Amino acid sequence: MALWKISVENSGIINGVRIEKGMSIEYVTKTTTPPLQSLSQHKDAINQLFKVTYKN
């Protein structure tokens, strides 16, 4: 298992949602492969973590 910290480096709007530089989440994977390297597998989980962490 590996714990990853995923941080936003540039502010912008993604799918109609504003993200700001410095926002971050922690994400656990079963393998040591970086989640952003295989984004198609982890995209939904990462999106959900950002939504839950930074909900209105």
N, C-alpha and C. Protein backbone atom coordinates (compact mmCIF):
# COMPACT_ATOMS: atom_id res chain seq x y z
N MET A 1 0.83 -1.19 0.00
CA MET A 1 0.00 0.00 0.00
C MET A 1 0.87 1.25 0.00
N ALA A 2 0.36 2.28 -0.61
CA ALA A 2 1.09 3.54 -0.67
C ALA A 2 0.13 4.71 -0.41
N LEU A 3 0.60 5.72 0.27
CA LEU A 3 -0.17 6.93 0.54
C LEU A 3 0.40 8.04 -0.33
N TRP A 4 -0.47 8.67 -1.12
CA TRP A 4 -0.05 9.72 -2.04
C TRP A 4 -0.71 11.03 -1.64
N LYS A 5 0.03 12.12 -1.73
CA LYS A 5 -0.55 13.45 -1.55
C LYS A 5 -0.62 14.07 -2.94
N ILE A 6 -1.82 14.41 -3.35
CA ILE A 6 -2.06 15.00 -4.67
C ILE A 6 -2.43 16.46 -4.46
N SER A 7 -1.63 17.35 -5.03
CA SER A 7 -1.82 18.79 -4.84
C SER A 7 -2.08 19.48 -6.18
N VAL A 8 -2.88 20.53 -6.12
CA VAL A 8 -3.16 21.34 -7.30
C VAL A 8 -2.02 22.35 -7.46
N GLU A 9 -1.40 22.37 -8.64
CA GLU A 9 -0.28 23.28 -8.89
C GLU A 9 -0.71 24.57 -9.58
N ASN A 10 -1.79 24.53 -10.35
CA ASN A 10 -2.28 25.70 -11.06
C ASN A 10 -3.78 25.83 -10.87
N SER A 11 -4.24 27.02 -10.53
CA SER A 11 -5.67 27.26 -10.38
C SER A 11 -6.36 27.15 -11.74
N GLY A 12 -7.63 26.82 -11.71
CA GLY A 12 -8.38 26.74 -12.96
C GLY A 12 -9.77 26.19 -12.72
N ILE A 13 -10.47 25.94 -13.79
CA ILE A 13 -11.82 25.38 -13.74
C ILE A 13 -11.80 24.04 -14.45
N ILE A 14 -12.17 22.99 -13.75
CA ILE A 14 -12.20 21.63 -14.29
C ILE A 14 -13.64 21.13 -14.20
N ASN A 15 -14.24 20.81 -15.34
CA ASN A 15 -15.63 20.33 -15.38
C ASN A 15 -16.57 21.26 -14.63
N GLY A 16 -16.35 22.57 -14.77
CA GLY A 16 -17.22 23.55 -14.14
C GLY A 16 -16.95 23.78 -12.66
N VAL A 17 -15.90 23.18 -12.12
CA VAL A 17 -15.57 23.33 -10.70
C VAL A 17 -14.27 24.10 -10.58
N ARG A 18 -14.27 25.13 -9.76
CA ARG A 18 -13.07 25.95 -9.56
C ARG A 18 -12.11 25.24 -8.61
N ILE A 19 -10.87 25.07 -9.03
CA ILE A 19 -9.83 24.51 -8.15
C ILE A 19 -8.75 25.57 -7.97
N GLU A 20 -8.18 25.62 -6.78
CA GLU A 20 -7.19 26.64 -6.46
C GLU A 20 -5.84 26.01 -6.16
N LYS A 21 -4.81 26.71 -6.52
CA LYS A 21 -3.44 26.28 -6.23
C LYS A 21 -3.32 26.03 -4.73
N GLY A 22 -2.73 24.88 -4.38
CA GLY A 22 -2.53 24.55 -2.97
C GLY A 22 -3.54 23.56 -2.42
N MET A 23 -4.67 23.37 -3.09
CA MET A 23 -5.62 22.35 -2.63
C MET A 23 -4.94 20.99 -2.73
N SER A 24 -5.19 20.12 -1.75
CA SER A 24 -4.57 18.81 -1.80
C SER A 24 -5.44 17.77 -1.11
N ILE A 25 -5.21 16.52 -1.48
CA ILE A 25 -5.87 15.37 -0.85
C ILE A 25 -4.83 14.29 -0.62
N GLU A 26 -5.17 13.34 0.22
CA GLU A 26 -4.34 12.16 0.41
C GLU A 26 -5.11 10.97 -0.15
N TYR A 27 -4.42 10.13 -0.91
CA TYR A 27 -5.05 9.02 -1.63
C TYR A 27 -4.23 7.76 -1.41
N VAL A 28 -4.88 6.68 -1.01
CA VAL A 28 -4.21 5.41 -0.75
C VAL A 28 -4.43 4.47 -1.93
N THR A 29 -3.34 3.82 -2.38
CA THR A 29 -3.44 2.82 -3.44
C THR A 29 -2.89 1.49 -2.96
N LYS A 30 -3.29 0.43 -3.61
CA LYS A 30 -2.81 -0.91 -3.26
C LYS A 30 -1.42 -1.19 -3.80
N THR A 31 -1.02 -0.43 -4.82
CA THR A 31 0.29 -0.63 -5.44
C THR A 31 1.13 0.62 -5.24
N THR A 32 2.40 0.53 -5.60
CA THR A 32 3.28 1.69 -5.48
C THR A 32 3.35 2.51 -6.77
N THR A 33 2.53 2.17 -7.73
CA THR A 33 2.47 2.94 -8.98
C THR A 33 1.76 4.27 -8.71
N PRO A 34 2.34 5.39 -9.08
CA PRO A 34 1.69 6.68 -8.84
C PRO A 34 0.30 6.74 -9.49
N PRO A 35 -0.71 7.20 -8.76
CA PRO A 35 -2.08 7.22 -9.30
C PRO A 35 -2.24 8.12 -10.51
N LEU A 36 -1.45 9.17 -10.62
CA LEU A 36 -1.58 10.05 -11.78
C LEU A 36 -0.95 9.45 -13.03
N GLN A 37 -0.12 8.43 -12.84
CA GLN A 37 0.48 7.73 -13.98
C GLN A 37 -0.56 6.86 -14.68
N SER A 38 -1.50 6.32 -13.91
CA SER A 38 -2.60 5.52 -14.48
C SER A 38 -3.91 6.21 -14.11
N LEU A 39 -4.03 7.46 -14.53
CA LEU A 39 -5.15 8.31 -14.15
C LEU A 39 -6.51 7.73 -14.53
N SER A 40 -6.60 7.04 -15.64
CA SER A 40 -7.89 6.51 -16.08
C SER A 40 -8.48 5.56 -15.03
N GLN A 41 -7.66 4.86 -14.28
CA GLN A 41 -8.14 3.94 -13.25
C GLN A 41 -8.54 4.67 -11.96
N HIS A 42 -7.92 5.80 -11.68
CA HIS A 42 -8.09 6.47 -10.39
C HIS A 42 -8.87 7.77 -10.47
N LYS A 43 -9.21 8.21 -11.67
CA LYS A 43 -9.81 9.52 -11.88
C LYS A 43 -11.08 9.74 -11.05
N ASP A 44 -12.00 8.81 -11.07
CA ASP A 44 -13.26 8.98 -10.35
C ASP A 44 -13.05 9.07 -8.83
N ALA A 45 -12.18 8.24 -8.30
CA ALA A 45 -11.90 8.25 -6.86
C ALA A 45 -11.23 9.57 -6.44
N ILE A 46 -10.29 10.04 -7.24
CA ILE A 46 -9.61 11.30 -6.94
C ILE A 46 -10.60 12.46 -7.01
N ASN A 47 -11.44 12.48 -8.03
CA ASN A 47 -12.47 13.53 -8.14
C ASN A 47 -13.38 13.53 -6.92
N GLN A 48 -13.80 12.35 -6.50
CA GLN A 48 -14.69 12.24 -5.35
C GLN A 48 -14.02 12.74 -4.07
N LEU A 49 -12.75 12.42 -3.89
CA LEU A 49 -12.02 12.91 -2.71
C LEU A 49 -11.94 14.43 -2.69
N PHE A 50 -11.67 15.05 -3.83
CA PHE A 50 -11.64 16.51 -3.88
C PHE A 50 -13.02 17.08 -3.56
N LYS A 51 -14.08 16.48 -4.08
CA LYS A 51 -15.44 16.97 -3.82
C LYS A 51 -15.79 16.87 -2.34
N VAL A 52 -15.46 15.75 -1.72
CA VAL A 52 -15.78 15.55 -0.30
C VAL A 52 -14.95 16.48 0.58
N THR A 53 -13.68 16.62 0.24
CA THR A 53 -12.78 17.45 1.04
C THR A 53 -13.12 18.95 0.95
N TYR A 54 -13.49 19.39 -0.24
CA TYR A 54 -13.72 20.82 -0.47
C TYR A 54 -15.18 21.13 -0.81
N LYS A 55 -16.11 20.41 -0.18
CA LYS A 55 -17.53 20.68 -0.47
C LYS A 55 -17.92 22.06 0.04
N ASN A 56 -18.94 22.60 -0.55
CA ASN A 56 -19.41 23.96 -0.21
C ASN A 56 -19.89 24.02 1.19
